[in-house]
Protein backbone atom coordinates (compact mmCIF):
# COMPACT_ATOMS: atom_id res chain seq x y z
CA UNK A 1 -14.24 -26.04 0.65
CA UNK A 2 -17.71 -25.84 2.02
CA UNK A 3 -18.67 -22.34 3.06
CA UNK A 4 -18.66 -19.71 0.33
CA UNK A 5 -19.47 -16.16 1.43
CA UNK A 6 -21.01 -13.63 -0.95
CA UNK A 7 -21.21 -9.90 -0.22
CA UNK A 8 -23.62 -8.58 -2.82
CA UNK A 9 -24.99 -5.05 -3.22
CA UNK A 10 -27.99 -4.62 -5.53
CA UNK A 11 -28.43 -0.99 -6.58
CA UNK A 12 -31.94 -1.70 -7.92
CA UNK A 13 -34.50 -4.52 -7.91
CA UNK A 14 -33.36 -7.39 -10.13
CA UNK A 15 -35.31 -10.29 -11.57
CA UNK A 16 -33.51 -13.66 -11.60
CA UNK A 17 -34.64 -15.22 -14.88
CA UNK A 18 -31.96 -17.77 -15.72
CA UNK A 19 -29.47 -20.07 -14.05
CA UNK A 20 -26.97 -22.66 -15.19
CA UNK A 21 -25.68 -25.63 -13.21
CA UNK A 22 -22.84 -27.71 -14.64
CA UNK A 23 -21.61 -30.82 -12.83
CA UNK A 24 -18.68 -32.99 -13.78
CA UNK A 25 -16.62 -35.74 -12.19
CA UNK A 26 -12.86 -35.44 -11.97
CA UNK A 27 -11.06 -38.31 -13.67
CA UNK A 28 -7.42 -39.34 -13.50
CA UNK A 29 -5.04 -36.81 -14.98
CA UNK A 30 -7.25 -33.94 -13.73
CA UNK A 31 -9.69 -34.40 -16.63
CA UNK A 32 -13.32 -33.44 -15.95
CA UNK A 33 -16.07 -35.62 -17.43
CA UNK A 34 -19.25 -33.52 -17.76
CA UNK A 35 -22.25 -35.28 -16.21
CA UNK A 36 -24.96 -32.61 -16.35
CA UNK A 37 -25.43 -29.20 -17.88
CA UNK A 38 -28.71 -27.65 -16.73
CA UNK A 39 -30.07 -24.39 -18.11
CA UNK A 40 -32.89 -23.26 -15.83
CA UNK A 41 -35.44 -20.74 -17.06
CA UNK A 42 -37.23 -20.68 -13.67
CA UNK A 43 -34.38 -20.89 -11.13
CA UNK A 44 -36.54 -20.02 -8.11
CA UNK A 45 -38.58 -23.18 -8.71
CA UNK A 46 -35.59 -25.55 -8.95
CA UNK A 47 -35.43 -28.11 -6.11
CA UNK A 48 -31.88 -27.12 -5.03
CA UNK A 49 -31.25 -23.64 -6.43
CA UNK A 50 -34.75 -22.33 -5.63
CA UNK A 51 -34.46 -22.59 -1.83
CA UNK A 52 -30.98 -21.01 -1.96
CA UNK A 53 -32.28 -17.99 -3.87
CA UNK A 54 -35.51 -17.69 -1.87
CA UNK A 55 -33.78 -17.86 1.52
CA UNK A 56 -30.67 -15.84 0.66
CA UNK A 57 -32.48 -12.89 -0.87
CA UNK A 58 -35.81 -13.05 0.99
CA UNK A 59 -37.60 -13.59 -2.33
CA UNK A 60 -41.21 -14.26 -3.11
CA UNK A 61 -42.22 -16.60 -5.92
CA UNK A 62 -41.71 -13.83 -8.50
CA UNK A 63 -37.94 -14.34 -8.09
CA UNK A 64 -37.21 -10.60 -7.86
CA UNK A 65 -34.33 -9.50 -5.64
CA UNK A 66 -35.11 -6.23 -3.83
CA UNK A 67 -32.56 -3.41 -3.70
CA UNK A 68 -30.14 -3.83 -0.82
CA UNK A 69 -26.97 -5.38 0.55
CA UNK A 70 -26.81 -9.12 1.18
CA UNK A 71 -24.25 -11.30 2.95
CA UNK A 72 -24.87 -14.91 2.00
CA UNK A 73 -23.19 -18.01 3.42
CA UNK A 74 -23.53 -20.96 1.08
CA UNK A 75 -22.44 -24.43 2.17
CA UNK A 76 -21.44 -25.86 -1.21
CA UNK A 77 -20.79 -29.40 0.03
CA UNK A 78 -24.21 -29.59 1.69
CA UNK A 79 -25.93 -28.35 -1.49
CA UNK A 80 -23.90 -30.75 -3.66
CA UNK A 81 -24.93 -33.71 -1.51
CA UNK A 82 -28.55 -32.52 -1.64
CA UNK A 83 -28.28 -32.45 -5.43
CA UNK A 84 -26.38 -35.72 -5.98
CA UNK A 85 -26.85 -37.83 -2.86
CA UNK A 86 -24.04 -40.07 -1.60
CA UNK A 87 -25.11 -43.59 -2.56
CA UNK A 88 -24.17 -43.56 -6.24
CA UNK A 89 -22.22 -40.34 -6.66
CA UNK A 90 -19.01 -40.12 -4.71
CA UNK A 91 -15.48 -39.04 -5.49
CA UNK A 92 -14.25 -35.68 -6.76
CA UNK A 93 -16.83 -33.45 -8.44
CA UNK A 94 -16.65 -30.11 -10.22
CA UNK A 95 -19.62 -27.72 -9.77
CA UNK A 96 -20.29 -24.48 -11.65
CA UNK A 97 -23.37 -22.50 -10.68
CA UNK A 98 -24.48 -19.19 -12.21
CA UNK A 99 -27.62 -17.10 -11.74
CA UNK A 100 -28.35 -14.15 -14.03
CA UNK A 101 -30.74 -12.22 -16.27
CA UNK A 102 -30.20 -10.42 -19.58
CA UNK A 103 -28.56 -7.46 -17.83
CA UNK A 104 -26.89 -8.79 -14.65
CA UNK A 105 -24.83 -11.76 -13.51
CA UNK A 106 -25.76 -12.21 -9.82
CA UNK A 107 -23.27 -14.86 -8.84
CA UNK A 108 -20.98 -17.44 -10.30
CA UNK A 109 -19.40 -20.21 -8.22
CA UNK A 110 -16.87 -22.82 -9.31
CA UNK A 111 -16.18 -25.44 -6.64
CA UNK A 112 -14.31 -28.74 -6.69
CA UNK A 113 -15.06 -31.08 -3.81
CA UNK A 114 -14.73 -34.63 -2.57
CA UNK A 115 -17.96 -36.47 -1.71
CA UNK A 116 -17.61 -39.54 0.47
CA UNK A 117 -19.70 -42.69 -0.09
CA UNK A 118 -22.07 -43.48 2.79
């Protein structure tokens, strides 16, 4: 699973104020060992999530999504490798990514993928 497609329709301008990224490694017996649990209060400035939000929604630094319809293609494996690298982190990983504010949940992705050691 690499390409996730979002069709999102924003009825009004929405500020992205918070995001959460949870990463775990899959162990034997399908048990997930949580590695990181990030709560981001400035998601547009995060080194991985920021560029995704800025490019996908044509945002400025204020992290406000203008009213409109958006079709977003997100290569989860590429973003996971950007986040983790491949030298020390390889195997099966579990990613959960959410972006939201106090009123709206913009997107929520749960992906499990295999990352090969290079």
